[in-house]
C-alpha atoms as a PDB file:
ATOM      1  CA  MET A   1    -257.464 -24.300  79.793  1.00  0.00           C
ATOM      2  CA  ALA A   2    -259.015 -22.918  76.588  1.00  0.00           C
ATOM      3  CA  ASP A   3    -260.758 -26.256  75.997  1.00  0.00           C
ATOM      4  CA  GLN A   4    -262.221 -26.135  79.496  1.00  0.00           C
ATOM      5  CA  ALA A   5    -263.477 -22.584  78.916  1.00  0.00           C
ATOM      6  CA  ARG A   6    -264.978 -23.674  75.618  1.00  0.00           C
ATOM      7  CA  GLY A   7    -266.721 -26.628  77.282  1.00  0.00           C
ATOM      8  CA  ASN A   8    -268.575 -24.246  79.527  1.00  0.00           C
ATOM      9  CA  SER A   9    -269.837 -22.027  76.752  1.00  0.00           C
ATOM     10  CA  ALA A  10    -272.801 -22.518  74.482  1.00  0.00           C
ATOM     11  CA  PRO A  11    -272.151 -24.050  71.090  1.00  0.00           C
ATOM     12  CA  ASP A  12    -272.221 -21.901  67.962  1.00  0.00           C
ATOM     13  CA  THR A  13    -275.548 -22.112  66.114  1.00  0.00           C
ATOM     14  CA  VAL A  14    -275.955 -21.864  62.368  1.00  0.00           C
ATOM     15  CA  LYS A  15    -279.235 -21.400  60.522  1.00  0.00           C
ATOM     16  CA  ILE A  16    -279.540 -23.505  57.363  1.00  0.00           C
ATOM     17  CA  LEU A  17    -282.449 -23.543  54.904  1.00  0.00           C
ATOM     18  CA  ILE A  18    -283.668 -26.704  53.185  1.00  0.00           C
ATOM     19  CA  ALA A  19    -285.350 -25.448  50.030  1.00  0.00           C
ATOM     20  CA  GLY A  20    -286.638 -26.566  46.668  1.00  0.00           C
ATOM     21  CA  GLY A  21    -289.826 -27.060  44.764  1.00  0.00           C
ATOM     22  CA  PHE A  22    -293.068 -28.633  45.733  1.00  0.00           C
ATOM     23  CA  GLY A  23    -292.685 -32.315  46.676  1.00  0.00           C
ATOM     24  CA  VAL A  24    -288.894 -32.614  46.397  1.00  0.00           C
ATOM     25  CA  GLY A  25    -288.350 -34.025  49.904  1.00  0.00           C
ATOM     26  CA  LYS A  26    -287.673 -31.017  52.165  1.00  0.00           C
ATOM     27  CA  THR A  27    -289.874 -32.198  55.039  1.00  0.00           C
ATOM     28  CA  THR A  28    -288.451 -35.684  54.666  1.00  0.00           C
ATOM     29  CA  MET A  29    -284.854 -34.439  54.837  1.00  0.00           C
ATOM     30  CA  VAL A  30    -285.465 -32.312  57.938  1.00  0.00           C
ATOM     31  CA  GLY A  31    -287.199 -35.244  59.601  1.00  0.00           C
ATOM     32  CA  SER A  32    -284.542 -37.804  58.696  1.00  0.00           C
ATOM     33  CA  VAL A  33    -281.591 -35.823  60.027  1.00  0.00           C
ATOM     34  CA  SER A  34    -283.076 -33.944  62.997  1.00  0.00           C
ATOM     35  CA  GLU A  35    -282.110 -35.121  66.494  1.00  0.00           C
ATOM     36  CA  ILE A  36    -285.358 -33.730  67.875  1.00  0.00           C
ATOM     37  CA  ASP A  37    -288.894 -34.399  66.764  1.00  0.00           C
ATOM     38  CA  PRO A  38    -289.196 -31.882  63.943  1.00  0.00           C
ATOM     39  CA  LEU A  39    -291.761 -29.147  63.990  1.00  0.00           C
ATOM     40  CA  ARG A  40    -293.957 -29.530  60.921  1.00  0.00           C
ATOM     41  CA  THR A  41    -296.611 -27.218  59.563  1.00  0.00           C
ATOM     42  CA  GLU A  42    -298.208 -29.681  57.188  1.00  0.00           C
ATOM     43  CA  GLU A  43    -301.802 -29.575  56.081  1.00  0.00           C
ATOM     44  CA  ARG A  44    -303.749 -32.008  53.960  1.00  0.00           C
ATOM     45  CA  LEU A  45    -304.065 -31.255  50.286  1.00  0.00           C
ATOM     46  CA  THR A  46    -307.693 -30.527  49.492  1.00  0.00           C
ATOM     47  CA  SER A  47    -309.747 -29.812  46.411  1.00  0.00           C
ATOM     48  CA  ALA A  48    -309.004 -26.103  46.968  1.00  0.00           C
ATOM     49  CA  SER A  49    -305.492 -26.748  45.636  1.00  0.00           C
ATOM     50  CA  LEU A  50    -306.773 -28.182  42.346  1.00  0.00           C
ATOM     51  CA  GLY A  51    -305.578 -25.984  39.512  1.00  0.00           C
ATOM     52  CA  VAL A  52    -303.265 -24.129  41.935  1.00  0.00           C
ATOM     53  CA  ASP A  53    -300.694 -26.761  42.913  1.00  0.00           C
ATOM     54  CA  ASP A  54    -299.068 -28.863  40.209  1.00  0.00           C
ATOM     55  CA  LEU A  55    -299.346 -32.442  41.416  1.00  0.00           C
ATOM     56  CA  GLN A  56    -297.980 -33.975  38.215  1.00  0.00           C
ATOM     57  CA  GLY A  57    -295.579 -36.747  39.188  1.00  0.00           C
ATOM     58  CA  LEU A  58    -296.626 -36.551  42.885  1.00  0.00           C
ATOM     59  CA  ASP A  59    -299.262 -39.237  42.946  1.00  0.00           C
ATOM     60  CA  GLY A  60    -298.799 -40.170  46.589  1.00  0.00           C
ATOM     61  CA  LYS A  61    -298.629 -36.629  47.966  1.00  0.00           C
ATOM     62  CA  ARG A  62    -301.365 -36.047  50.532  1.00  0.00           C
ATOM     63  CA  ALA A  63    -299.999 -33.208  52.673  1.00  0.00           C
ATOM     64  CA  THR A  64    -297.941 -30.078  52.166  1.00  0.00           C
ATOM     65  CA  THR A  65    -295.879 -27.684  54.226  1.00  0.00           C
ATOM     66  CA  VAL A  66    -297.699 -24.354  54.608  1.00  0.00           C
ATOM     67  CA  ALA A  67    -295.136 -22.400  56.676  1.00  0.00           C
ATOM     68  CA  LEU A  68    -291.935 -24.252  57.580  1.00  0.00           C
ATOM     69  CA  ASP A  69    -290.334 -27.341  59.002  1.00  0.00           C
ATOM     70  CA  PHE A  70    -287.849 -27.044  61.841  1.00  0.00           C
ATOM     71  CA  GLY A  71    -285.231 -29.464  63.054  1.00  0.00           C
ATOM     72  CA  ARG A  72    -281.883 -29.453  64.836  1.00  0.00           C
ATOM     73  CA  ILE A  73    -278.660 -31.429  64.500  1.00  0.00           C
ATOM     74  CA  THR A  74    -275.553 -31.179  66.613  1.00  0.00           C
ATOM     75  CA  MET A  75    -272.311 -31.355  64.635  1.00  0.00           C
ATOM     76  CA  GLY A  76    -269.631 -31.931  67.263  1.00  0.00           C
ATOM     77  CA  GLN A  77    -269.450 -30.300  70.689  1.00  0.00           C
ATOM     78  CA  ASP A  78    -269.383 -26.730  69.478  1.00  0.00           C
ATOM     79  CA  LEU A  79    -271.766 -26.500  66.494  1.00  0.00           C
ATOM     80  CA  VAL A  80    -275.522 -26.860  66.247  1.00  0.00           C
ATOM     81  CA  LEU A  81    -277.390 -26.521  62.942  1.00  0.00           C
ATOM     82  CA  TYR A  82    -280.949 -25.158  63.013  1.00  0.00           C
ATOM     83  CA  LEU A  83    -282.694 -26.483  59.928  1.00  0.00           C
ATOM     84  CA  PHE A  84    -285.584 -24.580  58.362  1.00  0.00           C
ATOM     85  CA  GLY A  85    -287.471 -26.333  55.572  1.00  0.00           C
ATOM     86  CA  THR A  86    -289.247 -23.928  53.235  1.00  0.00           C
ATOM     87  CA  PRO A  87    -292.725 -24.444  51.746  1.00  0.00           C
ATOM     88  CA  GLY A  88    -292.563 -25.571  48.143  1.00  0.00           C
ATOM     89  CA  GLN A  89    -295.675 -24.165  46.460  1.00  0.00           C
ATOM     90  CA  GLN A  90    -295.428 -20.811  44.798  1.00  0.00           C
ATOM     91  CA  ARG A  91    -298.379 -19.431  46.827  1.00  0.00           C
ATOM     92  CA  PHE A  92    -296.270 -19.799  50.012  1.00  0.00           C
ATOM     93  CA  TRP A  93    -293.008 -18.360  48.690  1.00  0.00           C
ATOM     94  CA  PHE A  94    -293.579 -15.097  50.521  1.00  0.00           C
ATOM     95  CA  MET A  95    -292.340 -17.018  53.632  1.00  0.00           C
ATOM     96  CA  TRP A  96    -288.889 -17.501  52.091  1.00  0.00           C
ATOM     97  CA  ASN A  97    -287.760 -13.935  52.638  1.00  0.00           C
ATOM     98  CA  ASP A  98    -288.428 -14.134  56.377  1.00  0.00           C
ATOM     99  CA  LEU A  99    -286.947 -17.609  56.638  1.00  0.00           C
ATOM    100  CA  ALA A 100    -283.787 -16.488  54.891  1.00  0.00           C
ATOM    101  CA  ILE A 101    -283.015 -13.796  57.476  1.00  0.00           C
ATOM    102  CA  GLY A 102    -279.834 -14.896  59.259  1.00  0.00           C
ATOM    103  CA  ALA A 103    -279.334 -18.042  57.183  1.00  0.00           C
ATOM    104  CA  LEU A 104    -275.679 -18.791  56.433  1.00  0.00           C
ATOM    105  CA  GLY A 105    -276.408 -21.298  53.714  1.00  0.00           C
ATOM    106  CA  ALA A 106    -278.938 -23.573  52.091  1.00  0.00           C
ATOM    107  CA  VAL A 107    -279.501 -27.012  50.649  1.00  0.00           C
ATOM    108  CA  VAL A 108    -281.544 -26.906  47.448  1.00  0.00           C
ATOM    109  CA  LEU A 109    -283.156 -30.279  46.909  1.00  0.00           C
ATOM    110  CA  LEU A 110    -283.662 -31.292  43.304  1.00  0.00           C
ATOM    111  CA  ASP A 111    -285.952 -34.014  41.930  1.00  0.00           C
ATOM    112  CA  VAL A 112    -284.512 -35.009  38.566  1.00  0.00           C
ATOM    113  CA  ARG A 113    -287.965 -36.121  37.460  1.00  0.00           C
ATOM    114  CA  ARG A 114    -289.048 -32.443  37.782  1.00  0.00           C
ATOM    115  CA  PRO A 115    -285.874 -30.297  37.852  1.00  0.00           C
ATOM    116  CA  GLU A 116    -287.781 -27.165  36.925  1.00  0.00           C
ATOM    117  CA  SER A 117    -289.447 -27.269  40.338  1.00  0.00           C
ATOM    118  CA  SER A 118    -286.175 -26.176  41.972  1.00  0.00           C
ATOM    119  CA  PHE A 119    -285.133 -23.416  39.574  1.00  0.00           C
ATOM    120  CA  ALA A 120    -286.818 -20.730  41.647  1.00  0.00           C
ATOM    121  CA  ALA A 121    -284.914 -21.863  44.764  1.00  0.00           C
ATOM    122  CA  ILE A 122    -281.574 -21.702  42.939  1.00  0.00           C
ATOM    123  CA  ASP A 123    -282.429 -18.242  41.631  1.00  0.00           C
ATOM    124  CA  PHE A 124    -283.558 -17.091  45.127  1.00  0.00           C
ATOM    125  CA  PHE A 125    -280.215 -17.959  46.740  1.00  0.00           C
ATOM    126  CA  GLU A 126    -278.069 -16.720  43.848  1.00  0.00           C
ATOM    127  CA  ARG A 127    -279.805 -13.315  43.927  1.00  0.00           C
ATOM    128  CA  ARG A 128    -279.310 -12.938  47.661  1.00  0.00           C
ATOM    129  CA  GLY A 129    -275.723 -14.226  47.674  1.00  0.00           C
ATOM    130  CA  ILE A 130    -276.582 -17.066  50.097  1.00  0.00           C
ATOM    131  CA  PRO A 131    -274.232 -20.039  49.510  1.00  0.00           C
ATOM    132  CA  PHE A 132    -275.944 -23.299  48.657  1.00  0.00           C
ATOM    133  CA  VAL A 133    -275.365 -26.889  47.619  1.00  0.00           C
ATOM    134  CA  ILE A 134    -277.607 -28.989  45.427  1.00  0.00           C
ATOM    135  CA  GLY A 135    -278.870 -32.260  46.954  1.00  0.00           C
ATOM    136  CA  VAL A 136    -280.182 -34.471  44.173  1.00  0.00           C
ATOM    137  CA  ASN A 137    -282.855 -36.523  45.946  1.00  0.00           C
ATOM    138  CA  GLY A 138    -282.968 -39.944  44.298  1.00  0.00           C
ATOM    139  CA  PHE A 139    -286.595 -41.012  44.482  1.00  0.00           C
ATOM    140  CA  HIS A 140    -286.837 -44.805  44.547  1.00  0.00           C
ATOM    141  CA  GLY A 141    -283.031 -44.899  44.721  1.00  0.00           C
ATOM    142  CA  GLN A 142    -282.708 -43.673  41.161  1.00  0.00           C
ATOM    143  CA  HIS A 143    -279.964 -41.304  40.066  1.00  0.00           C
ATOM    144  CA  PRO A 144    -280.073 -41.268  36.249  1.00  0.00           C
ATOM    145  CA  TYR A 145    -277.631 -38.334  35.934  1.00  0.00           C
ATOM    146  CA  THR A 146    -274.154 -37.700  37.264  1.00  0.00           C
ATOM    147  CA  PRO A 147    -273.432 -34.626  39.423  1.00  0.00           C
ATOM    148  CA  GLU A 148    -271.409 -33.194  36.513  1.00  0.00           C
ATOM    149  CA  GLU A 149    -274.333 -33.575  34.091  1.00  0.00           C
ATOM    150  CA  ILE A 150    -276.622 -31.856  36.608  1.00  0.00           C
ATOM    151  CA  ARG A 151    -274.158 -29.053  37.261  1.00  0.00           C
ATOM    152  CA  GLU A 152    -273.822 -28.402  33.534  1.00  0.00           C
ATOM    153  CA  SER A 153    -277.557 -28.474  32.863  1.00  0.00           C
ATOM    154  CA  LEU A 154    -278.255 -26.013  35.735  1.00  0.00           C
ATOM    155  CA  ALA A 155    -275.335 -23.691  34.763  1.00  0.00           C
ATOM    156  CA  LEU A 156    -274.372 -23.509  38.427  1.00  0.00           C
ATOM    157  CA  PRO A 157    -271.750 -21.076  39.743  1.00  0.00           C
ATOM    158  CA  GLU A 158    -268.248 -22.507  40.038  1.00  0.00           C
ATOM    159  CA  GLY A 159    -267.718 -24.173  43.399  1.00  0.00           C
ATOM    160  CA  THR A 160    -271.389 -25.056  43.990  1.00  0.00           C
ATOM    161  CA  LYS A 161    -271.435 -28.646  45.061  1.00  0.00           C
ATOM    162  CA  VAL A 162    -273.868 -31.169  43.580  1.00  0.00           C
ATOM    163  CA  LEU A 163    -274.427 -34.259  45.722  1.00  0.00           C
ATOM    164  CA  LEU A 164    -276.505 -37.350  45.066  1.00  0.00           C
ATOM    165  CA  CYS A 165    -278.587 -38.141  48.140  1.00  0.00           C
ATOM    166  CA  ASP A 166    -281.620 -39.885  49.615  1.00  0.00           C
ATOM    167  CA  ALA A 167    -283.574 -37.475  51.826  1.00  0.00           C
ATOM    168  CA  ARG A 168    -285.075 -40.466  53.705  1.00  0.00           C
ATOM    169  CA  GLU A 169    -281.690 -41.577  55.013  1.00  0.00           C
ATOM    170  CA  ARG A 170    -280.095 -39.795  57.998  1.00  0.00           C
ATOM    171  CA  GLU A 171    -276.500 -40.365  56.883  1.00  0.00           C
ATOM    172  CA  SER A 172    -277.165 -39.206  53.340  1.00  0.00           C
ATOM    173  CA  SER A 173    -278.879 -36.022  54.549  1.00  0.00           C
ATOM    174  CA  ARG A 174    -276.096 -35.411  57.057  1.00  0.00           C
ATOM    175  CA  ASP A 175    -273.448 -35.767  54.355  1.00  0.00           C
ATOM    176  CA  VAL A 176    -275.214 -33.046  52.298  1.00  0.00           C
ATOM    177  CA  LEU A 177    -275.152 -30.755  55.326  1.00  0.00           C
ATOM    178  CA  ILE A 178    -271.472 -31.491  55.905  1.00  0.00           C
ATOM    179  CA  ALA A 179    -270.730 -30.600  52.278  1.00  0.00           C
ATOM    180  CA  LEU A 180    -272.520 -27.278  52.758  1.00  0.00           C
ATOM    181  CA  LEU A 181    -270.510 -26.606  55.944  1.00  0.00           C
ATOM    182  CA  ASP A 182    -267.269 -27.389  54.105  1.00  0.00           C
ATOM    183  CA  GLN A 183    -268.263 -24.936  51.365  1.00  0.00           C
ATOM    184  CA  LEU A 184    -269.074 -22.233  53.940  1.00  0.00           C
ATOM    185  CA  ILE A 185    -265.776 -22.776  55.774  1.00  0.00           C
ATOM    186  CA  ALA A 186    -263.776 -22.681  52.493  1.00  0.00           C
ATOM    187  CA  ALA A 187    -265.507 -19.388  51.463  1.00  0.00           C
ATOM    188  CA  SER A 188    -264.874 -17.883  54.901  1.00  0.00           C
ATOM    189  CA  ALA A 189    -261.160 -18.835  54.783  1.00  0.00           C
ATOM    190  CA  LYS A 190    -260.837 -17.417  51.263  1.00  0.00           C
ATOM    191  CA  ALA A 191    -262.512 -14.154  52.383  1.00  0.00           C
ATOM    192  CA  SER A 192    -260.193 -13.900  55.394  1.00  0.00           C
ATOM    193  CA  ALA A 193    -257.111 -14.450  53.267  1.00  0.00           C
ATOM    194  CA  SER A 194    -257.947 -11.578  50.882  1.00  0.00           C
END
């Protein structure tokens, strides 16, 4: 009877942020895993961004997120994740505070070619006490460092998961989200037990 009652109710919804530096693959991750056509607020990069946006190592980058990306993925019958991708450039970071309202957790994407581009995202979530996992986006399928090496170099809090991923692949992106959910569930169970 409880299952029938549950089947008639709306699923639980969870807000998750996909964050990181400029050009790390946030829009790509939201797009690869979303079951709906994602909402994107991308604009072409123009000469106005010269000297403002650091394009070093981003030779093929032609557009950028100026507000947010939005996607949705259903995780079973009773859970829906709403995914909000943050803008990466520093000039749009003011959006992060509003996007973080109500978020239960975050994925911080890291590009090992430019790890410093994700330091601000890690700091943002640590300061606000928002749980996060690190998704190491392997550009061109390359993962030159182990998760342990990355964890040590970032001096991450104990229990923060580091996962190798490819933001272009749905299953890989989904696995990162599942790891975040596992971390959130474990933290909730630990808090309930104390």
